[in-house]
Protein backbone atom coordinates (compact mmCIF):
# COMPACT_ATOMS: atom_id res chain seq x y z
CA UNK A 1 0.00 0.00 0.00
CA UNK A 2 2.79 2.41 0.90
CA UNK A 3 4.53 1.70 -2.42
CA UNK A 4 1.43 2.80 -4.40
CA UNK A 5 1.23 6.05 -2.44
CA UNK A 6 4.90 6.73 -3.00
CA UNK A 7 4.54 6.16 -6.74
CA UNK A 8 1.45 8.35 -6.83
CA UNK A 9 3.05 11.26 -5.01
CA UNK A 10 6.21 10.95 -7.08
CA UNK A 11 4.11 11.07 -10.27
CA UNK A 12 2.27 14.12 -8.92
CA UNK A 13 5.56 15.85 -8.18
CA UNK A 14 6.86 15.16 -11.69
CA UNK A 15 3.62 16.40 -13.23
CA UNK A 16 3.69 19.64 -11.26
CA UNK A 17 7.34 20.12 -12.21
CA UNK A 18 6.41 19.68 -15.86
CA UNK A 19 3.68 22.31 -15.56
CA UNK A 20 6.10 24.71 -13.85
CA UNK A 21 8.63 24.21 -16.64
CA UNK A 22 5.98 24.85 -19.28
CA UNK A 23 4.91 27.96 -17.37
CA UNK A 24 8.48 29.19 -17.13
CA UNK A 25 8.96 28.70 -20.87
CA UNK A 26 5.77 30.65 -21.58
CA UNK A 27 6.80 33.48 -19.26
CA UNK A 28 10.29 33.61 -20.80
CA UNK A 29 8.73 33.85 -24.27
CA UNK A 30 6.40 36.62 -23.11
CA UNK A 31 9.30 38.56 -21.57
CA UNK A 32 11.06 38.36 -24.95
CA UNK A 33 7.88 39.50 -26.72
CA UNK A 34 7.48 42.42 -24.30
CA UNK A 35 10.69 43.87 -25.73
CA UNK A 36 9.21 43.75 -29.23
CA UNK A 37 5.90 45.19 -28.00
CA UNK A 38 7.70 48.07 -26.29
CA UNK A 39 9.50 49.00 -29.50
CA UNK A 40 6.26 48.91 -31.51
CA UNK A 41 4.35 50.90 -28.90
CA UNK A 42 7.07 53.56 -28.69
CA UNK A 43 7.05 53.86 -32.49
CA UNK A 44 3.25 54.22 -32.48
CA UNK A 45 3.44 56.80 -29.69
CA UNK A 46 6.01 58.84 -31.60
CA UNK A 47 3.99 58.49 -34.81
CA UNK A 48 0.92 59.81 -33.01
CA UNK A 49 2.87 62.76 -31.63
CA UNK A 50 4.30 63.52 -35.07
CA UNK A 51 0.84 63.29 -36.63
CA UNK A 52 -0.55 65.86 -34.17
CA UNK A 53 2.04 68.37 -35.36
CA UNK A 54 1.73 67.51 -39.05
CA UNK A 55 -2.08 67.43 -39.29
CA UNK A 56 -3.29 70.18 -36.98
CA UNK A 57 -5.67 71.50 -39.64
CA UNK A 58 -7.28 68.13 -40.42
CA UNK A 59 -9.53 67.35 -37.46
CA UNK A 60 -10.13 63.73 -38.39
CA UNK A 61 -6.44 62.82 -38.65
CA UNK A 62 -5.68 64.92 -35.56
CA UNK A 63 -8.32 63.01 -33.56
CA UNK A 64 -6.94 59.69 -34.82
CA UNK A 65 -3.45 60.80 -33.77
CA UNK A 66 -4.70 61.68 -30.28
CA UNK A 67 -6.36 58.29 -29.99
CA UNK A 68 -3.16 56.63 -31.14
CA UNK A 69 -1.16 58.54 -28.54
CA UNK A 70 -3.56 57.57 -25.75
CA UNK A 71 -3.76 53.92 -26.73
CA UNK A 72 -0.01 53.51 -27.27
CA UNK A 73 0.78 55.24 -23.97
CA UNK A 74 -1.70 53.12 -22.00
CA UNK A 75 -0.54 49.87 -23.62
CA UNK A 76 3.11 50.78 -23.06
CA UNK A 77 2.46 51.47 -19.39
CA UNK A 78 0.53 48.23 -18.94
CA UNK A 79 3.18 46.20 -20.77
CA UNK A 80 5.96 47.70 -18.64
CA UNK A 81 3.99 46.74 -15.52
CA UNK A 82 3.32 43.22 -16.86
CA UNK A 83 6.97 42.74 -17.82
CA UNK A 84 8.07 43.68 -14.31
CA UNK A 85 5.57 41.24 -12.78
CA UNK A 86 6.62 38.45 -15.14
CA UNK A 87 10.28 38.95 -14.27
CA UNK A 88 9.50 38.79 -10.55
CA UNK A 89 7.35 35.69 -11.10
CA UNK A 90 10.20 33.89 -12.89
CA UNK A 91 12.59 34.91 -10.12
CA UNK A 92 10.40 33.18 -7.53
CA UNK A 93 9.67 30.11 -9.68
CA UNK A 94 13.26 29.28 -10.62
CA UNK A 95 14.27 28.00 -7.14
CA UNK A 96 11.19 25.73 -7.08
CA UNK A 97 12.07 24.19 -10.42
CA UNK A 98 15.72 23.71 -9.52
CA UNK A 99 14.92 21.81 -6.30
């Protein structure tokens, strides 16, 4: 009876380790993608700022530029926050996976 429990708990431990490894790989990929997202969002933010100066007379394009600025700024801020949280999450998960 004890042998079955030991095998069961060992299998559970291996399964949870597998899920942690998959989670770490997903977080590492997202941290890499955050760098790409930041570059794109900064480019969109700068494009929106440039458009506000270039198209002051055209209200439609000016309004689109303001929307682009707001959306890019909000997304950049949220992505910076998410990247920081993901990095901290990986920092706390690595010792669990290594043990």
